[in-house]
């Protein structure tokens, strides 16, 4: 009888240790997801902060493009108010499209493209877009690891009772929206062609000598 009790206690102890170990692992994975999302939010905020300066710079050269400026401002506001990775991803896609139209406007103004301030903002935005892509990839990998742990045995046994729920991915739906909008600074401003030389036949004929 004593041996039976000892065996039962040993089994319960092993099970308890396994449960504690599994719980701690899920906590680590969940914390990893939260930390990865915080890094994404840092980069999104950085882009939000760049956009007003960018709009004002373009507005200085193309004030009549009010519709584009309003579209970018409204998309930025919606993106700032988005709650959760899935909603943020949808809002970021709309914002990316609006920024693309803003840079399409900039393409039509050579003086704007030559502006040092505009070039610096473009460079900062490119850097930020690359950081958003990198942190998004890291976040999605953390979510995949966490979701796999929660949805597979034995994690699925503890997930529900201890409040571990599936997390959302942060994915841009359209591949075209993944690329940062750009203005091509390598192309010089178009210069109207010089007047063509008159054809040979149109030149004054030589004067006749008397």
Protein backbone atom coordinates (compact mmCIF):
# COMPACT_ATOMS: atom_id res chain seq x y z
CA UNK A 1 0.00 0.00 0.00
CA UNK A 2 2.83 2.35 0.87
CA UNK A 3 4.44 1.77 -2.52
CA UNK A 4 1.19 2.57 -4.26
CA UNK A 5 0.94 5.89 -2.44
CA UNK A 6 4.56 6.70 -3.26
CA UNK A 7 3.99 5.93 -6.95
CA UNK A 8 0.83 8.05 -7.04
CA UNK A 9 2.59 10.95 -5.34
CA UNK A 10 5.49 10.64 -7.78
CA UNK A 11 3.11 10.65 -10.74
CA UNK A 12 1.26 13.68 -9.39
CA UNK A 13 4.56 15.46 -8.81
CA UNK A 14 5.71 14.75 -12.35
CA UNK A 15 2.39 15.93 -13.77
CA UNK A 16 2.55 19.10 -11.67
CA UNK A 17 6.07 19.82 -12.88
CA UNK A 18 5.00 19.27 -16.48
CA UNK A 19 2.02 21.59 -16.04
CA UNK A 20 4.19 24.29 -14.48
CA UNK A 21 6.78 23.94 -17.21
CA UNK A 22 4.16 24.11 -19.94
CA UNK A 23 2.48 27.10 -18.32
CA UNK A 24 5.78 28.97 -18.06
CA UNK A 25 6.55 28.21 -21.68
CA UNK A 26 3.20 29.62 -22.82
CA UNK A 27 3.81 32.72 -20.72
CA UNK A 28 7.20 33.22 -22.35
CA UNK A 29 5.70 32.85 -25.81
CA UNK A 30 2.88 35.27 -24.99
CA UNK A 31 5.33 37.81 -23.60
CA UNK A 32 7.40 37.42 -26.76
CA UNK A 33 4.33 38.28 -28.86
CA UNK A 34 3.56 41.34 -26.72
CA UNK A 35 7.14 42.55 -26.94
CA UNK A 36 7.28 42.02 -30.71
CA UNK A 37 4.04 43.97 -31.17
CA UNK A 38 5.41 46.81 -29.04
CA UNK A 39 8.36 47.05 -31.46
CA UNK A 40 5.95 47.23 -34.40
CA UNK A 41 4.02 50.03 -32.69
CA UNK A 42 7.24 52.02 -32.17
CA UNK A 43 7.93 51.98 -35.91
CA UNK A 44 4.31 52.73 -36.82
CA UNK A 45 4.37 55.76 -34.51
CA UNK A 46 7.58 56.94 -36.11
CA UNK A 47 5.90 56.87 -39.51
CA UNK A 48 2.82 58.62 -38.12
CA UNK A 49 5.12 61.40 -36.88
CA UNK A 50 6.81 61.77 -40.28
CA UNK A 51 3.62 62.05 -42.32
CA UNK A 52 2.48 65.57 -41.25
CA UNK A 53 5.90 67.04 -42.13
CA UNK A 54 5.82 65.22 -45.45
CA UNK A 55 2.35 66.52 -46.26
CA UNK A 56 3.33 70.09 -45.37
CA UNK A 57 6.43 69.87 -47.55
CA UNK A 58 4.47 68.68 -50.58
CA UNK A 59 1.72 71.22 -49.86
CA UNK A 60 4.28 74.01 -50.17
CA UNK A 61 4.73 73.13 -53.84
CA UNK A 62 1.30 71.71 -54.71
CA UNK A 63 -1.22 73.48 -52.48
CA UNK A 64 -4.06 72.83 -54.92
CA UNK A 65 -3.84 69.04 -54.36
CA UNK A 66 -6.09 69.36 -51.32
CA UNK A 67 -7.92 66.09 -51.92
CA UNK A 68 -4.70 64.07 -51.72
CA UNK A 69 -3.60 65.82 -48.52
CA UNK A 70 -6.95 65.21 -46.85
CA UNK A 71 -6.91 61.56 -47.90
CA UNK A 72 -3.46 61.03 -46.35
CA UNK A 73 -4.44 62.84 -43.15
CA UNK A 74 -7.66 60.85 -42.75
CA UNK A 75 -5.90 57.54 -43.46
CA UNK A 76 -3.24 58.41 -40.87
CA UNK A 77 -5.93 59.15 -38.27
CA UNK A 78 -7.71 55.86 -38.95
CA UNK A 79 -4.43 53.97 -38.69
CA UNK A 80 -3.64 55.61 -35.34
CA UNK A 81 -7.07 54.65 -34.01
CA UNK A 82 -6.94 51.02 -35.19
CA UNK A 83 -7.14 48.48 -32.39
CA UNK A 84 -5.29 45.18 -32.72
CA UNK A 85 -2.91 43.82 -35.37
CA UNK A 86 -5.59 42.80 -37.90
CA UNK A 87 -7.33 46.19 -37.83
CA UNK A 88 -3.97 47.96 -37.88
CA UNK A 89 -2.89 45.97 -40.93
CA UNK A 90 -6.04 46.94 -42.84
CA UNK A 91 -5.64 50.61 -41.89
CA UNK A 92 -1.95 50.55 -42.79
CA UNK A 93 -2.80 49.20 -46.23
CA UNK A 94 -5.13 52.15 -46.85
CA UNK A 95 -2.50 54.56 -45.54
CA UNK A 96 0.11 53.04 -47.84
CA UNK A 97 -2.16 53.60 -50.84
CA UNK A 98 -2.73 57.23 -49.82
CA UNK A 99 1.01 57.80 -49.45
CA UNK A 100 1.53 56.31 -52.88
CA UNK A 101 -0.80 58.94 -54.34
CA UNK A 102 1.01 61.67 -52.41
CA UNK A 103 4.34 60.64 -53.92
CA UNK A 104 2.72 60.44 -57.35
CA UNK A 105 1.91 64.13 -56.91
CA UNK A 106 5.50 64.84 -55.91
CA UNK A 107 6.74 63.24 -59.14
CA UNK A 108 5.14 66.09 -61.09
CA UNK A 109 7.11 68.82 -59.29
CA UNK A 110 10.85 68.84 -60.08
CA UNK A 111 11.53 71.64 -57.57
CA UNK A 112 9.92 69.57 -54.83
CA UNK A 113 11.96 66.49 -55.77
CA UNK A 114 15.10 68.62 -55.59
CA UNK A 115 14.20 69.96 -52.13
CA UNK A 116 16.68 68.83 -49.45
CA UNK A 117 13.91 68.66 -46.86
CA UNK A 118 11.81 66.42 -49.07
CA UNK A 119 14.76 64.15 -49.80
CA UNK A 120 15.49 63.77 -46.09
CA UNK A 121 11.87 62.96 -45.29
CA UNK A 122 11.80 60.43 -48.13
CA UNK A 123 14.93 58.79 -46.75
CA UNK A 124 13.53 58.67 -43.22
CA UNK A 125 10.28 57.19 -44.51
CA UNK A 126 12.14 54.53 -46.49
CA UNK A 127 14.12 53.59 -43.39
CA UNK A 128 10.96 53.45 -41.30
CA UNK A 129 9.13 51.30 -43.86
CA UNK A 130 12.03 48.85 -43.81
CA UNK A 131 11.93 48.74 -40.01
CA UNK A 132 8.17 48.16 -40.07
CA UNK A 133 8.70 45.24 -42.45
CA UNK A 134 11.41 43.76 -40.22
CA UNK A 135 9.42 44.12 -36.99
CA UNK A 136 6.30 42.78 -38.69
CA UNK A 137 8.18 39.67 -39.73
CA UNK A 138 9.52 39.20 -36.20
CA UNK A 139 6.05 39.70 -34.73
CA UNK A 140 4.39 37.25 -37.09
CA UNK A 141 7.03 34.64 -36.31
CA UNK A 142 6.38 35.11 -32.58
CA UNK A 143 2.64 34.76 -33.16
CA UNK A 144 3.16 31.58 -35.18
CA UNK A 145 5.26 30.04 -32.40
CA UNK A 146 2.75 31.04 -29.74
CA UNK A 147 -0.32 29.91 -31.70
CA UNK A 148 1.27 26.55 -32.45
CA UNK A 149 1.96 26.05 -28.75
CA UNK A 150 -1.59 27.02 -27.81
CA UNK A 151 -3.34 24.98 -30.49
CA UNK A 152 -1.37 21.73 -30.20
CA UNK A 153 -1.24 19.12 -27.46
CA UNK A 154 -0.45 19.45 -24.62
CA UNK A 155 -0.72 23.25 -24.78
CA UNK A 156 -4.33 23.08 -25.91
CA UNK A 157 -5.25 21.41 -22.59
CA UNK A 158 -4.00 24.38 -20.55
CA UNK A 159 -4.70 27.22 -22.98
CA UNK A 160 -8.41 27.58 -22.27
CA UNK A 161 -8.38 27.28 -18.45
CA UNK A 162 -5.42 29.66 -18.10
CA UNK A 163 -6.59 32.26 -20.61
CA UNK A 164 -4.13 31.66 -23.43
CA UNK A 165 -5.96 32.61 -26.63
CA UNK A 166 -4.92 32.66 -30.27
CA UNK A 167 -3.26 35.90 -31.43
CA UNK A 168 -3.76 37.80 -34.68
CA UNK A 169 -1.13 38.14 -37.38
CA UNK A 170 -0.10 41.54 -38.74
CA UNK A 171 -0.33 41.10 -42.49
CA UNK A 172 -0.78 43.53 -45.34
CA UNK A 173 -3.31 42.04 -47.73
CA UNK A 174 -1.87 43.45 -50.97
CA UNK A 175 1.75 42.68 -51.88
CA UNK A 176 2.02 46.05 -53.60
CA UNK A 177 1.37 47.77 -50.28
CA UNK A 178 4.43 46.12 -48.75
CA UNK A 179 6.81 48.26 -50.79
CA UNK A 180 7.54 51.76 -49.47
CA UNK A 181 6.34 54.54 -51.79
CA UNK A 182 9.23 56.20 -53.59
CA UNK A 183 10.03 59.20 -55.72
CA UNK A 184 12.65 58.67 -58.42
CA UNK A 185 15.32 61.33 -57.84
CA UNK A 186 17.55 59.93 -60.59
CA UNK A 187 15.41 61.32 -63.39
CA UNK A 188 16.19 64.97 -64.16
CA UNK A 189 13.40 67.43 -64.68
CA UNK A 190 12.09 67.33 -68.20
CA UNK A 191 13.31 70.26 -70.31
CA UNK A 192 11.36 71.36 -73.35
CA UNK A 193 13.33 70.53 -76.47
CA UNK A 194 15.10 73.41 -78.20
CA UNK A 195 13.59 74.74 -81.36
CA UNK A 196 14.53 72.48 -84.20
CA UNK A 197 16.81 73.91 -86.87
CA UNK A 198 14.95 74.80 -90.02
CA UNK A 199 15.20 72.23 -92.78
CA UNK A 200 17.85 72.76 -95.40
CA UNK A 201 15.30 73.55 -98.04
CA UNK A 202 13.91 76.38 -95.95
CA UNK A 203 17.22 78.29 -95.79
CA UNK A 204 17.54 81.50 -97.70
CA UNK A 205 18.66 80.89 -101.26
CA UNK A 206 21.96 82.57 -102.27
CA UNK A 207 21.58 85.95 -103.94
CA UNK A 208 22.10 86.13 -107.64
CA UNK A 209 25.01 88.27 -108.80
CA UNK A 210 24.43 90.80 -111.48
